[in-house]
N, C-alpha and C. Protein backbone atom coordinates (compact mmCIF):
# COMPACT_ATOMS: atom_id res chain seq x y z
N UNK A 1 4.99 15.76 -7.68
CA UNK A 1 4.65 14.60 -8.57
C UNK A 1 3.25 14.75 -9.11
N UNK A 2 3.01 14.59 -10.38
CA UNK A 2 1.71 14.62 -10.87
C UNK A 2 1.26 13.28 -11.48
N UNK A 3 2.22 12.32 -11.63
CA UNK A 3 1.83 11.00 -12.16
C UNK A 3 2.50 9.92 -11.28
N UNK A 4 1.74 9.11 -10.63
CA UNK A 4 2.29 8.02 -9.82
C UNK A 4 1.04 7.10 -9.47
N UNK A 5 1.51 6.00 -8.74
CA UNK A 5 0.50 5.12 -8.21
C UNK A 5 0.81 4.86 -6.67
N UNK A 6 -0.16 5.25 -5.93
CA UNK A 6 0.11 4.93 -4.43
C UNK A 6 -0.41 3.59 -4.19
N UNK A 7 0.40 2.82 -3.27
CA UNK A 7 0.06 1.34 -3.07
C UNK A 7 0.18 1.09 -1.60
N UNK A 8 -0.71 0.17 -1.15
CA UNK A 8 -0.67 -0.15 0.26
C UNK A 8 -1.02 -1.71 0.39
N UNK A 9 -0.21 -2.40 1.22
CA UNK A 9 -0.45 -3.83 1.41
C UNK A 9 -0.82 -4.04 2.83
N UNK A 10 -1.61 -4.98 3.14
CA UNK A 10 -1.83 -5.56 4.53
C UNK A 10 -1.35 -6.92 4.46
N UNK A 11 -0.76 -7.37 5.59
CA UNK A 11 -0.14 -8.67 5.62
C UNK A 11 -0.90 -9.57 6.66
N UNK A 12 -0.83 -10.82 6.48
CA UNK A 12 -1.57 -11.85 7.40
C UNK A 12 -0.77 -12.16 8.59
N UNK A 13 0.62 -12.07 8.50
CA UNK A 13 1.38 -12.43 9.54
C UNK A 13 2.75 -11.71 9.37
N UNK A 14 3.79 -12.08 10.10
CA UNK A 14 5.02 -11.29 10.13
C UNK A 14 5.89 -11.59 8.87
N UNK A 15 5.45 -12.45 7.94
CA UNK A 15 6.13 -12.64 6.77
C UNK A 15 5.75 -11.61 5.69
N UNK A 16 6.66 -10.88 5.11
CA UNK A 16 6.26 -9.92 4.17
C UNK A 16 5.64 -10.40 2.90
N UNK A 17 5.78 -11.63 2.66
CA UNK A 17 5.16 -12.33 1.48
C UNK A 17 3.75 -12.55 1.78
N UNK A 18 3.20 -12.40 2.92
CA UNK A 18 1.85 -12.80 3.36
C UNK A 18 0.80 -11.71 3.07
N UNK A 19 0.97 -10.95 1.96
CA UNK A 19 -0.06 -9.91 1.61
C UNK A 19 -1.44 -10.52 1.54
N UNK A 20 -2.30 -9.93 2.26
CA UNK A 20 -3.69 -10.38 2.16
C UNK A 20 -4.63 -9.43 1.61
N UNK A 21 -4.24 -8.24 1.39
CA UNK A 21 -4.98 -7.29 0.63
C UNK A 21 -4.00 -6.14 0.07
N UNK A 22 -4.53 -5.56 -1.03
CA UNK A 22 -3.84 -4.53 -1.70
C UNK A 22 -4.79 -3.36 -2.19
N UNK A 23 -4.27 -2.16 -1.93
CA UNK A 23 -4.98 -1.06 -2.56
C UNK A 23 -4.08 -0.28 -3.44
N UNK A 24 -4.61 0.27 -4.54
CA UNK A 24 -3.88 1.07 -5.46
C UNK A 24 -4.70 2.25 -5.89
N UNK A 25 -4.08 3.44 -5.81
CA UNK A 25 -4.61 4.66 -6.32
C UNK A 25 -3.75 5.29 -7.42
N UNK A 26 -4.30 5.38 -8.59
CA UNK A 26 -3.53 5.92 -9.78
C UNK A 26 -3.79 7.43 -9.93
N UNK A 27 -2.70 8.23 -9.95
CA UNK A 27 -2.81 9.71 -10.06
C UNK A 27 -2.20 10.02 -11.37
N UNK A 28 -2.85 10.75 -12.23
CA UNK A 28 -2.28 11.26 -13.50
C UNK A 28 -2.63 12.70 -13.57
N UNK A 29 -1.62 13.53 -13.92
CA UNK A 29 -1.85 14.97 -13.98
C UNK A 29 -2.46 15.52 -12.78
N UNK A 30 -2.10 15.04 -11.66
CA UNK A 30 -2.47 15.45 -10.37
C UNK A 30 -3.81 15.11 -9.96
N UNK A 31 -4.47 14.29 -10.64
CA UNK A 31 -5.95 13.80 -10.36
C UNK A 31 -6.00 12.32 -10.20
N UNK A 32 -6.79 11.83 -9.34
CA UNK A 32 -7.01 10.42 -9.14
C UNK A 32 -7.81 9.95 -10.29
N UNK A 33 -7.21 9.02 -11.06
CA UNK A 33 -7.91 8.50 -12.30
C UNK A 33 -8.45 7.08 -12.07
N UNK A 34 -7.78 6.32 -11.18
CA UNK A 34 -8.30 4.94 -11.09
C UNK A 34 -7.94 4.52 -9.54
N UNK A 35 -8.78 3.52 -9.18
CA UNK A 35 -8.54 2.85 -7.91
C UNK A 35 -8.71 1.25 -8.13
N UNK A 36 -8.01 0.55 -7.25
CA UNK A 36 -8.11 -0.85 -7.40
C UNK A 36 -7.86 -1.46 -5.94
N UNK A 37 -8.69 -2.41 -5.63
CA UNK A 37 -8.64 -3.03 -4.27
C UNK A 37 -8.93 -4.61 -4.43
N UNK A 38 -8.17 -5.33 -3.78
CA UNK A 38 -8.45 -6.80 -3.78
C UNK A 38 -7.98 -7.48 -2.48
N UNK A 39 -8.72 -8.48 -2.12
CA UNK A 39 -8.14 -9.38 -1.09
C UNK A 39 -7.30 -10.35 -1.89
N UNK A 40 -6.37 -10.90 -1.14
CA UNK A 40 -5.35 -11.85 -1.67
C UNK A 40 -5.29 -13.07 -0.77
N UNK A 41 -5.27 -14.33 -1.30
CA UNK A 41 -4.83 -15.47 -0.44
C UNK A 41 -3.52 -15.38 -0.13
N UNK A 42 -3.09 -15.22 1.19
CA UNK A 42 -1.66 -14.99 1.67
C UNK A 42 -0.88 -16.23 1.61
N UNK A 43 0.49 -15.95 1.41
CA UNK A 43 1.51 -17.01 1.48
C UNK A 43 2.52 -16.49 2.46
N UNK A 44 2.84 -17.23 3.55
CA UNK A 44 2.19 -18.34 4.04
C UNK A 44 0.75 -18.02 4.39
N UNK A 45 -0.06 -19.03 4.42
CA UNK A 45 -1.53 -18.83 4.51
C UNK A 45 -2.07 -18.91 6.01
N UNK A 46 -1.38 -18.37 6.96
CA UNK A 46 -1.93 -18.27 8.21
C UNK A 46 -2.04 -16.82 8.74
N UNK A 47 -2.81 -16.59 9.71
CA UNK A 47 -2.95 -15.19 10.24
C UNK A 47 -2.44 -15.14 11.71
N UNK A 48 -1.61 -14.13 11.90
CA UNK A 48 -1.27 -13.80 13.33
C UNK A 48 -2.29 -12.89 13.97
N UNK A 49 -2.50 -13.22 15.15
CA UNK A 49 -3.60 -12.45 15.94
C UNK A 49 -3.39 -10.93 15.85
N UNK A 50 -2.07 -10.58 15.96
CA UNK A 50 -1.80 -9.06 16.01
C UNK A 50 -2.20 -8.48 14.58
N UNK A 51 -1.86 -9.12 13.53
CA UNK A 51 -2.24 -8.67 12.17
C UNK A 51 -3.83 -8.57 12.09
N UNK A 52 -4.50 -9.53 12.53
CA UNK A 52 -5.97 -9.58 12.45
C UNK A 52 -6.51 -8.42 13.24
N UNK A 53 -5.96 -8.10 14.42
CA UNK A 53 -6.45 -6.99 15.18
C UNK A 53 -6.12 -5.65 14.49
N UNK A 54 -5.16 -5.55 13.80
CA UNK A 54 -4.87 -4.27 13.05
C UNK A 54 -5.80 -4.04 11.97
N UNK A 55 -5.90 -5.03 11.08
CA UNK A 55 -6.80 -4.74 9.80
C UNK A 55 -8.09 -5.45 9.79
N UNK A 56 -8.34 -6.34 10.67
CA UNK A 56 -9.72 -7.07 10.70
C UNK A 56 -9.91 -8.23 9.74
N UNK A 57 -8.83 -8.48 8.99
CA UNK A 57 -9.00 -9.63 8.04
C UNK A 57 -8.56 -10.94 8.67
N UNK A 58 -9.19 -11.99 8.17
CA UNK A 58 -8.78 -13.32 8.62
C UNK A 58 -8.98 -14.34 7.51
N UNK A 59 -8.76 -15.63 7.84
CA UNK A 59 -8.92 -16.69 6.80
C UNK A 59 -10.27 -16.65 6.13
N UNK A 60 -11.29 -16.28 6.92
CA UNK A 60 -12.69 -16.37 6.38
C UNK A 60 -12.77 -15.40 5.25
N UNK A 61 -11.99 -14.31 5.26
CA UNK A 61 -12.00 -13.26 4.23
C UNK A 61 -11.28 -13.66 2.92
N UNK A 62 -10.13 -14.42 3.25
CA UNK A 62 -9.23 -14.60 2.04
C UNK A 62 -8.99 -16.11 1.59
N UNK A 63 -9.61 -17.07 2.27
CA UNK A 63 -9.53 -18.47 1.87
C UNK A 63 -9.84 -18.61 0.43
N UNK A 64 -10.95 -17.90 -0.08
CA UNK A 64 -11.40 -18.12 -1.49
C UNK A 64 -10.88 -16.92 -2.36
N UNK A 65 -10.04 -15.99 -1.80
CA UNK A 65 -9.47 -15.00 -2.61
C UNK A 65 -8.45 -15.45 -3.62
N UNK A 66 -8.26 -14.65 -4.65
CA UNK A 66 -7.26 -15.04 -5.68
C UNK A 66 -5.84 -15.00 -5.06
N UNK A 67 -4.88 -15.73 -5.72
CA UNK A 67 -3.52 -15.67 -5.43
C UNK A 67 -3.00 -14.42 -5.96
N UNK A 68 -1.76 -14.07 -5.35
CA UNK A 68 -1.13 -12.81 -5.85
C UNK A 68 -0.92 -12.70 -7.32
N UNK A 69 -0.43 -13.74 -8.00
CA UNK A 69 -0.09 -13.55 -9.47
C UNK A 69 -1.32 -13.06 -10.23
N UNK A 70 -2.47 -13.64 -9.82
CA UNK A 70 -3.70 -13.24 -10.50
C UNK A 70 -4.07 -11.84 -10.21
N UNK A 71 -3.97 -11.30 -9.06
CA UNK A 71 -4.24 -10.01 -8.68
C UNK A 71 -3.22 -9.03 -9.35
N UNK A 72 -1.98 -9.40 -9.37
CA UNK A 72 -0.99 -8.52 -10.02
C UNK A 72 -1.14 -8.35 -11.46
N UNK A 73 -1.66 -9.33 -12.10
CA UNK A 73 -1.88 -9.22 -13.58
C UNK A 73 -3.01 -8.06 -13.85
N UNK A 74 -3.89 -7.79 -12.87
CA UNK A 74 -4.80 -6.74 -12.89
C UNK A 74 -4.16 -5.38 -12.65
N UNK A 75 -3.22 -5.39 -11.70
CA UNK A 75 -2.60 -4.14 -11.27
C UNK A 75 -1.61 -3.64 -12.22
N UNK A 76 -0.81 -4.56 -12.83
CA UNK A 76 0.40 -4.23 -13.72
C UNK A 76 -0.11 -3.29 -14.73
N UNK A 77 -1.13 -3.33 -15.53
CA UNK A 77 -1.40 -2.33 -16.55
C UNK A 77 -1.85 -1.05 -15.97
N UNK A 78 -2.39 -1.00 -14.82
CA UNK A 78 -2.66 0.29 -14.16
C UNK A 78 -1.57 1.13 -13.82
N UNK A 79 -0.50 0.49 -13.45
CA UNK A 79 0.74 1.17 -12.82
C UNK A 79 1.85 1.25 -13.87
N UNK A 80 1.64 0.69 -15.05
CA UNK A 80 2.74 0.67 -16.11
C UNK A 80 3.38 2.13 -16.27
N UNK A 81 4.62 2.15 -16.01
CA UNK A 81 5.35 3.43 -16.30
C UNK A 81 5.30 4.41 -15.12
N UNK A 82 4.66 4.10 -14.11
CA UNK A 82 4.50 5.06 -13.07
C UNK A 82 5.46 4.75 -11.80
N UNK A 83 5.94 5.69 -11.13
CA UNK A 83 6.58 5.40 -9.90
C UNK A 83 5.62 5.04 -8.89
N UNK A 84 5.98 4.24 -7.86
CA UNK A 84 5.10 3.82 -6.77
C UNK A 84 5.28 4.65 -5.59
N UNK A 85 4.29 4.92 -4.88
CA UNK A 85 4.43 5.79 -3.66
C UNK A 85 3.73 5.02 -2.49
N UNK A 86 4.37 5.03 -1.39
CA UNK A 86 3.79 4.29 -0.23
C UNK A 86 4.20 5.08 1.02
N UNK A 87 3.35 4.95 2.11
CA UNK A 87 3.75 5.52 3.38
C UNK A 87 4.55 4.51 4.09
N UNK A 88 5.83 4.82 4.42
CA UNK A 88 6.77 3.82 4.87
C UNK A 88 7.09 2.78 3.82
N UNK A 89 7.57 3.37 2.69
CA UNK A 89 7.75 2.54 1.50
C UNK A 89 8.64 1.30 1.68
N UNK A 90 9.63 1.33 2.61
CA UNK A 90 10.41 0.12 2.80
C UNK A 90 9.55 -1.17 3.15
N UNK A 91 8.48 -0.90 3.92
CA UNK A 91 7.53 -1.97 4.27
C UNK A 91 6.83 -2.55 2.93
N UNK A 92 6.14 -1.61 2.24
CA UNK A 92 5.39 -2.07 0.95
C UNK A 92 6.30 -2.53 -0.12
N UNK A 93 7.42 -1.92 -0.32
CA UNK A 93 8.35 -2.33 -1.30
C UNK A 93 8.92 -3.80 -0.90
N UNK A 94 9.16 -3.97 0.46
CA UNK A 94 9.62 -5.25 0.87
C UNK A 94 8.49 -6.31 0.70
N UNK A 95 7.31 -6.03 0.83
CA UNK A 95 6.13 -6.91 0.66
C UNK A 95 6.13 -7.35 -0.80
N UNK A 96 6.18 -6.30 -1.58
CA UNK A 96 6.08 -6.61 -3.11
C UNK A 96 7.27 -7.48 -3.51
N UNK A 97 8.51 -7.11 -3.14
CA UNK A 97 9.64 -8.10 -3.54
C UNK A 97 9.53 -9.48 -2.89
N UNK A 98 9.05 -9.48 -1.66
CA UNK A 98 8.94 -10.86 -1.03
C UNK A 98 7.81 -11.75 -1.75
N UNK A 99 6.70 -11.17 -2.07
CA UNK A 99 5.72 -11.89 -2.76
C UNK A 99 6.08 -12.24 -4.14
N UNK A 100 6.83 -11.35 -4.87
CA UNK A 100 7.26 -11.74 -6.15
C UNK A 100 8.23 -12.91 -6.05
N UNK A 101 9.04 -12.95 -4.98
CA UNK A 101 10.01 -14.00 -4.84
C UNK A 101 9.27 -15.35 -4.50
N UNK A 102 8.26 -15.24 -3.62
CA UNK A 102 7.52 -16.36 -3.12
C UNK A 102 6.86 -17.11 -4.28
N UNK A 103 6.50 -16.39 -5.40
CA UNK A 103 5.88 -16.94 -6.57
C UNK A 103 6.88 -17.10 -7.68
N UNK A 104 8.09 -16.81 -7.47
CA UNK A 104 9.24 -17.00 -8.44
C UNK A 104 8.85 -16.19 -9.68
N UNK A 105 8.36 -14.89 -9.43
CA UNK A 105 8.08 -14.03 -10.65
C UNK A 105 9.27 -13.04 -10.72
N UNK A 106 9.49 -12.66 -11.85
CA UNK A 106 10.53 -11.73 -12.17
C UNK A 106 10.12 -10.29 -11.65
N UNK A 107 10.92 -9.66 -10.79
CA UNK A 107 10.59 -8.39 -10.20
C UNK A 107 11.03 -7.24 -11.13
N UNK A 108 10.07 -6.43 -11.64
CA UNK A 108 10.53 -5.28 -12.35
C UNK A 108 11.18 -4.25 -11.36
N UNK A 109 12.00 -3.45 -11.82
CA UNK A 109 12.65 -2.51 -11.02
C UNK A 109 11.81 -1.22 -10.70
N UNK A 110 10.73 -1.49 -9.81
CA UNK A 110 9.82 -0.39 -9.50
C UNK A 110 10.52 0.68 -8.73
N UNK A 111 10.28 1.95 -8.98
CA UNK A 111 10.78 3.03 -8.32
C UNK A 111 9.86 3.32 -7.23
N UNK A 112 10.21 3.44 -5.94
CA UNK A 112 9.37 3.77 -4.83
C UNK A 112 9.73 5.16 -4.27
N UNK A 113 8.80 5.87 -3.89
CA UNK A 113 8.94 7.16 -3.10
C UNK A 113 8.16 6.98 -1.84
N UNK A 114 8.62 7.62 -0.72
CA UNK A 114 8.07 7.44 0.55
C UNK A 114 7.45 8.69 1.06
N UNK A 115 6.13 8.64 1.33
CA UNK A 115 5.50 9.84 1.94
C UNK A 115 5.78 9.97 3.40
N UNK A 116 6.16 8.95 4.07
CA UNK A 116 6.65 9.12 5.50
C UNK A 116 7.91 9.88 5.57
N UNK A 117 8.86 9.52 4.70
CA UNK A 117 10.05 10.23 4.75
C UNK A 117 9.84 11.60 4.33
N UNK A 118 8.92 11.87 3.30
CA UNK A 118 8.64 13.26 2.93
C UNK A 118 7.99 14.07 3.85
N UNK A 119 7.17 13.35 4.82
CA UNK A 119 6.56 14.03 5.90
C UNK A 119 7.60 14.55 6.99
N UNK A 120 8.54 13.64 7.20
CA UNK A 120 9.65 14.05 8.20
C UNK A 120 10.39 15.21 7.66
N UNK A 121 10.71 15.26 6.37
CA UNK A 121 11.36 16.41 5.80
C UNK A 121 10.59 17.66 5.82
N UNK A 122 9.30 17.60 5.53
CA UNK A 122 8.35 18.71 5.33
C UNK A 122 7.90 19.27 6.78
N UNK A 123 7.38 18.33 7.56
CA UNK A 123 6.86 18.79 8.89
C UNK A 123 7.76 18.74 10.02
N UNK A 124 8.82 17.92 9.94
CA UNK A 124 9.84 17.87 11.00
C UNK A 124 9.14 17.48 12.38
N UNK A 125 9.48 18.27 13.39
CA UNK A 125 8.82 18.10 14.69
C UNK A 125 7.57 18.73 14.98
N UNK A 126 7.03 19.36 13.90
CA UNK A 126 5.68 20.02 14.02
C UNK A 126 4.66 19.00 14.25
N UNK A 127 4.71 17.72 13.89
CA UNK A 127 3.73 16.72 14.16
C UNK A 127 4.18 15.78 15.32
N UNK A 128 3.29 15.30 16.07
CA UNK A 128 3.57 14.34 17.16
C UNK A 128 4.19 13.14 16.64
N UNK A 129 3.92 12.63 15.41
CA UNK A 129 4.42 11.49 14.85
C UNK A 129 4.22 11.53 13.36
N UNK A 130 4.74 10.69 12.62
CA UNK A 130 4.62 10.68 11.17
C UNK A 130 3.90 9.52 10.62
N UNK A 131 2.94 8.95 11.49
CA UNK A 131 2.11 7.79 11.12
C UNK A 131 1.17 8.32 10.06
N UNK A 132 0.63 7.35 9.27
CA UNK A 132 -0.21 7.71 8.13
C UNK A 132 -1.42 8.60 8.53
N UNK A 133 -2.12 8.18 9.59
CA UNK A 133 -3.36 8.99 9.93
C UNK A 133 -3.05 10.38 10.42
N UNK A 134 -1.89 10.55 10.98
CA UNK A 134 -1.46 11.83 11.50
C UNK A 134 -1.07 12.77 10.31
N UNK A 135 -0.24 12.24 9.44
CA UNK A 135 0.15 12.99 8.28
C UNK A 135 -0.97 13.29 7.32
N UNK A 136 -1.83 12.40 7.11
CA UNK A 136 -3.07 12.57 6.36
C UNK A 136 -3.82 13.78 6.95
N UNK A 137 -4.07 13.69 8.19
CA UNK A 137 -4.80 14.88 8.81
C UNK A 137 -4.11 16.12 8.64
N UNK A 138 -2.76 16.17 8.76
CA UNK A 138 -2.05 17.42 8.59
C UNK A 138 -2.09 17.91 7.13
N UNK A 139 -2.43 17.04 6.21
CA UNK A 139 -2.54 17.40 4.77
C UNK A 139 -3.99 17.57 4.49
N UNK A 140 -4.87 17.59 5.43
CA UNK A 140 -6.29 17.86 5.20
C UNK A 140 -7.15 16.66 4.67
N UNK A 141 -6.61 15.46 4.75
CA UNK A 141 -7.40 14.31 4.34
C UNK A 141 -7.89 13.49 5.53
N UNK A 142 -9.17 13.21 5.59
CA UNK A 142 -9.67 12.42 6.67
C UNK A 142 -9.61 10.99 6.39
N UNK A 143 -8.78 10.25 7.04
CA UNK A 143 -8.57 8.82 6.93
C UNK A 143 -9.63 8.11 7.83
N UNK A 144 -10.71 7.61 7.28
CA UNK A 144 -11.69 7.04 8.04
C UNK A 144 -11.51 5.52 8.37
N UNK A 145 -10.96 4.81 7.45
CA UNK A 145 -10.87 3.36 7.60
C UNK A 145 -9.33 2.99 7.52
N UNK A 146 -8.58 3.49 8.54
CA UNK A 146 -7.13 3.17 8.57
C UNK A 146 -6.95 1.67 8.66
N UNK A 147 -5.96 1.22 7.91
CA UNK A 147 -5.53 -0.21 7.82
C UNK A 147 -6.52 -1.00 6.78
N UNK A 148 -7.34 -0.27 6.12
CA UNK A 148 -7.91 -0.84 4.94
C UNK A 148 -7.05 -0.40 3.77
N UNK A 149 -6.56 -1.34 3.00
CA UNK A 149 -5.58 -1.13 2.01
C UNK A 149 -5.91 -0.05 0.92
N UNK A 150 -7.18 0.16 0.58
CA UNK A 150 -7.52 1.21 -0.38
C UNK A 150 -7.64 2.48 0.29
N UNK A 151 -8.14 2.54 1.57
CA UNK A 151 -8.21 3.78 2.19
C UNK A 151 -6.80 4.33 2.58
N UNK A 152 -5.90 3.39 2.93
CA UNK A 152 -4.57 3.84 3.18
C UNK A 152 -3.87 4.30 1.95
N UNK A 153 -4.10 3.67 0.80
CA UNK A 153 -3.52 4.10 -0.43
C UNK A 153 -4.09 5.48 -0.90
N UNK A 154 -5.35 5.67 -0.63
CA UNK A 154 -5.97 7.03 -0.96
C UNK A 154 -5.39 8.12 -0.02
N UNK A 155 -5.16 7.86 1.21
CA UNK A 155 -4.53 8.82 2.11
C UNK A 155 -3.07 9.08 1.56
N UNK A 156 -2.34 8.05 1.23
CA UNK A 156 -1.02 8.20 0.77
C UNK A 156 -0.91 9.00 -0.56
N UNK A 157 -1.92 8.77 -1.41
CA UNK A 157 -2.01 9.63 -2.69
C UNK A 157 -2.17 11.11 -2.40
N UNK A 158 -3.09 11.41 -1.52
CA UNK A 158 -3.37 12.74 -1.13
C UNK A 158 -2.19 13.41 -0.53
N UNK A 159 -1.43 12.69 0.36
CA UNK A 159 -0.19 13.23 1.03
C UNK A 159 0.85 13.49 -0.11
N UNK A 160 1.02 12.51 -1.06
CA UNK A 160 1.99 12.61 -2.03
C UNK A 160 1.71 13.79 -2.97
N UNK A 161 0.49 14.03 -3.24
CA UNK A 161 0.12 15.18 -4.16
C UNK A 161 0.57 16.52 -3.49
N UNK A 162 0.56 16.55 -2.17
CA UNK A 162 1.03 17.80 -1.46
C UNK A 162 2.41 17.82 -1.15
N UNK A 163 3.07 16.71 -0.82
CA UNK A 163 4.48 16.76 -0.30
C UNK A 163 5.48 16.36 -1.27
N UNK A 164 5.13 15.61 -2.40
CA UNK A 164 6.20 15.10 -3.29
C UNK A 164 6.19 15.92 -4.64
């Protein structure tokens, strides 16, 4: 794949609609041409301790953040016509569909590709697991800020450029 957008969401709680940050990395002709990151005021607007421990975000970070529809209006033109790529795409695609539904927005039929699935096919049992940081390292990318949405989207983009 030479043209795509890697996307990653972090959530505030167990509800997939509770996206609290998003990272997007746009790849055109095999080169990263744009990046986008934003905090998002989650819906529902509470944080589960587990989620906070994973990504370090809490209400103090997102209480004044924009709502999803405002953030998506900025992302939409960046990704227009591109397939979306995510590591464990069922999670990120599920988040996107859930938050579109929460705001009663019409969901475009985005095409998702999964770098986790691609890793399983490419590396098989040669890796101890197929978690993002493991696969990124196997592809030569140093993921320094795992669970920061933009850092994770960058890692996913580098994996996709090699495996998809």
